[in-house]
C-alpha atoms as a PDB file:
ATOM      1  CA  MET A   1      -0.602  25.753  15.424  1.00  0.00           C
ATOM      2  CA  THR A   2      -0.893  23.012  12.812  1.00  0.00           C
ATOM      3  CA  THR A   3      -3.820  23.067  10.399  1.00  0.00           C
ATOM      4  CA  ARG A   4      -4.849  19.992   8.458  1.00  0.00           C
ATOM      5  CA  VAL A   5      -6.324  20.983   5.097  1.00  0.00           C
ATOM      6  CA  TYR A   6      -8.398  18.460   3.132  1.00  0.00           C
ATOM      7  CA  LEU A   7      -8.308  19.183  -0.602  1.00  0.00           C
ATOM      8  CA  ALA A   8     -10.837  18.423  -3.324  1.00  0.00           C
ATOM      9  CA  ALA A   9      -9.609  18.117  -6.926  1.00  0.00           C
ATOM     10  CA  ALA A  10      -6.050  17.921  -5.596  1.00  0.00           C
ATOM     11  CA  ARG A  11      -3.102  17.894  -7.965  1.00  0.00           C
ATOM     12  CA  LEU A  12       0.492  16.975  -7.187  1.00  0.00           C
ATOM     13  CA  ILE A  13       2.751  19.004  -9.469  1.00  0.00           C
ATOM     14  CA  ASP A  14       6.473  18.663 -10.148  1.00  0.00           C
ATOM     15  CA  GLU A  15       7.450  22.298 -10.687  1.00  0.00           C
ATOM     16  CA  ALA A  16       9.157  25.040  -8.738  1.00  0.00           C
ATOM     17  CA  PRO A  17       7.129  26.592  -5.914  1.00  0.00           C
ATOM     18  CA  ALA A  18       5.233  29.795  -6.643  1.00  0.00           C
ATOM     19  CA  ALA A  19       5.727  32.814  -4.395  1.00  0.00           C
ATOM     20  CA  SER A  20       2.106  32.519  -3.202  1.00  0.00           C
ATOM     21  CA  ASP A  21       2.379  28.841  -2.158  1.00  0.00           C
ATOM     22  CA  LEU A  22       1.950  28.109   1.538  1.00  0.00           C
ATOM     23  CA  PRO A  23       4.615  25.863   3.084  1.00  0.00           C
ATOM     24  CA  VAL A  24       3.502  22.322   3.871  1.00  0.00           C
ATOM     25  CA  GLU A  25       5.245  20.001   6.303  1.00  0.00           C
ATOM     26  CA  ARG A  26       3.216  16.836   5.676  1.00  0.00           C
ATOM     27  CA  VAL A  27       1.228  15.396   2.744  1.00  0.00           C
ATOM     28  CA  PHE A  28      -1.179  12.483   3.104  1.00  0.00           C
ATOM     29  CA  ILE A  29      -2.856  10.422   0.384  1.00  0.00           C
ATOM     30  CA  ASN A  30      -5.600   8.000   1.365  1.00  0.00           C
ATOM     31  CA  ALA A  31      -6.168   5.800  -1.696  1.00  0.00           C
ATOM     32  CA  SER A  32      -9.169   3.912  -0.315  1.00  0.00           C
ATOM     33  CA  ASP A  33     -12.641   3.633  -1.866  1.00  0.00           C
ATOM     34  CA  VAL A  34     -13.194   7.258  -0.871  1.00  0.00           C
ATOM     35  CA  PRO A  35      -9.835   8.832  -1.764  1.00  0.00           C
ATOM     36  CA  GLU A  36      -8.624  11.852   0.189  1.00  0.00           C
ATOM     37  CA  VAL A  37      -5.642  14.170  -0.018  1.00  0.00           C
ATOM     38  CA  TRP A  38      -4.709  16.415   2.857  1.00  0.00           C
ATOM     39  CA  VAL A  39      -1.761  18.510   3.899  1.00  0.00           C
ATOM     40  CA  GLU A  40      -0.607  19.844   7.245  1.00  0.00           C
ATOM     41  CA  THR A  41       0.812  23.337   7.514  1.00  0.00           C
ATOM     42  CA  GLU A  42       1.910  25.727  10.233  1.00  0.00           C
ATOM     43  CA  SER A  43       0.837  28.706   8.117  1.00  0.00           C
ATOM     44  CA  PRO A  44      -1.867  30.949   9.630  1.00  0.00           C
ATOM     45  CA  SER A  45      -2.989  31.992   6.119  1.00  0.00           C
ATOM     46  CA  VAL A  46      -4.988  28.928   5.018  1.00  0.00           C
ATOM     47  CA  PRO A  47      -7.843  29.942   2.680  1.00  0.00           C
ATOM     48  CA  GLU A  48     -11.475  29.427   3.666  1.00  0.00           C
ATOM     49  CA  VAL A  49     -13.480  26.344   2.677  1.00  0.00           C
ATOM     50  CA  GLY A  50     -14.426  26.479  -1.011  1.00  0.00           C
ATOM     51  CA  LYS A  51     -11.406  28.577  -2.013  1.00  0.00           C
ATOM     52  CA  SER A  52      -8.517  27.351  -4.129  1.00  0.00           C
ATOM     53  CA  ALA A  53      -5.196  26.853  -2.389  1.00  0.00           C
ATOM     54  CA  SER A  54      -1.643  26.028  -3.351  1.00  0.00           C
ATOM     55  CA  PHE A  55       1.081  24.585  -1.179  1.00  0.00           C
ATOM     56  CA  ALA A  56       4.724  23.630  -1.622  1.00  0.00           C
ATOM     57  CA  LEU A  57       6.833  21.126   0.276  1.00  0.00           C
ATOM     58  CA  SER A  58       8.917  22.943   2.861  1.00  0.00           C
ATOM     59  CA  ARG A  59      12.018  21.059   1.665  1.00  0.00           C
ATOM     60  CA  SER A  60      12.954  19.105  -1.424  1.00  0.00           C
ATOM     61  CA  LEU A  61      12.251  15.391  -0.946  1.00  0.00           C
ATOM     62  CA  ASN A  62      12.695  14.092  -4.515  1.00  0.00           C
ATOM     63  CA  VAL A  63       9.302  12.319  -4.446  1.00  0.00           C
ATOM     64  CA  GLY A  64       8.120  13.399  -7.901  1.00  0.00           C
ATOM     65  CA  PHE A  65       6.213  16.531  -6.866  1.00  0.00           C
ATOM     66  CA  VAL A  66       6.872  19.819  -5.077  1.00  0.00           C
ATOM     67  CA  ARG A  67       3.546  21.660  -5.284  1.00  0.00           C
ATOM     68  CA  ILE A  68       0.066  20.601  -4.165  1.00  0.00           C
ATOM     69  CA  THR A  69      -3.000  22.473  -5.396  1.00  0.00           C
ATOM     70  CA  GLY A  70      -6.711  22.018  -4.872  1.00  0.00           C
ATOM     71  CA  THR A  71      -9.902  23.403  -3.382  1.00  0.00           C
ATOM     72  CA  VAL A  72     -10.160  23.590   0.397  1.00  0.00           C
ATOM     73  CA  GLU A  73     -12.801  21.064   1.385  1.00  0.00           C
ATOM     74  CA  ARG A  74     -12.282  21.137   5.148  1.00  0.00           C
ATOM     75  CA  ARG A  75      -9.872  22.642   7.705  1.00  0.00           C
ATOM     76  CA  VAL A  76      -9.043  21.095  11.075  1.00  0.00           C
ATOM     77  CA  SER A  77      -6.890  22.784  13.723  1.00  0.00           C
ATOM     78  CA  LYS A  78      -4.640  20.342  15.536  1.00  0.00           C
END
Protein backbone atom coordinates (compact mmCIF):
# COMPACT_ATOMS: atom_id res chain seq x y z
CA MET A 1 0.00 0.00 0.00
CA THR A 2 1.25 3.49 -0.84
CA THR A 3 1.56 6.05 1.95
CA ARG A 4 1.79 9.75 1.22
CA VAL A 5 3.89 11.49 3.86
CA TYR A 6 3.69 15.28 4.23
CA LEU A 7 6.89 16.71 5.72
CA ALA A 8 7.47 19.84 7.78
CA ALA A 9 10.94 21.43 7.75
CA ALA A 10 11.81 19.26 4.75
CA ARG A 11 15.32 19.21 3.35
CA LEU A 12 16.47 17.84 0.01
CA ILE A 13 20.03 16.59 0.41
CA ASP A 14 22.55 15.52 -2.23
CA GLU A 15 24.41 12.76 -0.38
CA ALA A 16 24.47 8.99 -0.35
CA PRO A 17 21.47 7.28 1.27
CA ALA A 18 21.78 6.23 4.90
CA ALA A 19 21.00 2.64 5.88
CA SER A 20 17.97 3.85 7.88
CA ASP A 21 16.40 5.81 4.99
CA LEU A 22 13.04 4.56 3.75
CA PRO A 23 12.74 4.15 -0.03
CA VAL A 24 10.64 6.77 -1.79
CA GLU A 25 9.10 6.35 -5.23
CA ARG A 26 7.70 9.87 -5.69
CA VAL A 27 8.59 13.35 -4.40
CA PHE A 28 6.26 16.33 -4.72
CA ILE A 29 6.99 20.02 -4.11
CA ASN A 30 4.10 22.46 -4.05
CA ALA A 31 5.69 25.93 -4.21
CA SER A 32 2.46 27.89 -3.74
CA ASP A 33 1.71 30.48 -1.04
CA VAL A 34 1.49 27.60 1.43
CA PRO A 35 4.44 25.44 0.36
CA GLU A 36 4.30 21.69 0.92
CA VAL A 37 6.68 18.80 0.41
CA TRP A 38 5.45 15.23 0.39
CA VAL A 39 6.77 11.85 -0.60
CA GLU A 40 5.07 8.59 -1.50
CA THR A 41 6.49 5.31 -0.29
CA GLU A 42 5.52 1.65 -0.28
CA SER A 43 7.33 1.13 3.02
CA PRO A 44 5.18 -0.07 5.95
CA SER A 45 7.60 1.56 8.43
CA VAL A 46 6.63 5.24 8.14
CA PRO A 47 7.15 7.04 11.48
CA GLU A 48 4.23 8.52 13.40
CA VAL A 49 3.15 12.16 13.07
CA GLY A 50 5.60 14.45 14.89
CA LYS A 51 8.58 12.12 14.43
CA SER A 52 11.57 12.83 12.21
CA ALA A 53 11.90 10.76 9.06
CA SER A 54 14.43 10.27 6.31
CA PHE A 55 13.86 8.92 2.84
CA ALA A 56 16.00 8.20 -0.21
CA LEU A 57 15.05 8.04 -3.87
CA SER A 58 14.59 4.42 -4.89
CA ARG A 59 16.80 5.01 -7.94
CA SER A 60 19.30 7.64 -8.99
CA LEU A 61 17.63 10.36 -11.06
CA ASN A 62 20.40 13.00 -11.19
CA VAL A 63 18.03 15.76 -9.99
CA GLY A 64 20.39 17.35 -7.47
CA PHE A 65 19.27 15.42 -4.38
CA VAL A 66 19.02 11.81 -3.21
CA ARG A 67 17.79 12.10 0.38
CA ILE A 68 14.71 13.82 1.80
CA THR A 69 14.45 14.52 5.53
CA GLY A 70 11.86 16.23 7.68
CA THR A 71 9.24 15.88 10.39
CA VAL A 72 6.14 13.85 9.61
CA GLU A 73 3.27 16.33 9.52
CA ARG A 74 0.58 14.04 8.12
CA ARG A 75 0.25 10.51 6.68
CA VAL A 76 -2.35 9.45 4.12
CA SER A 77 -2.85 5.86 2.95
CA LYS A 78 -3.64 5.64 -0.74
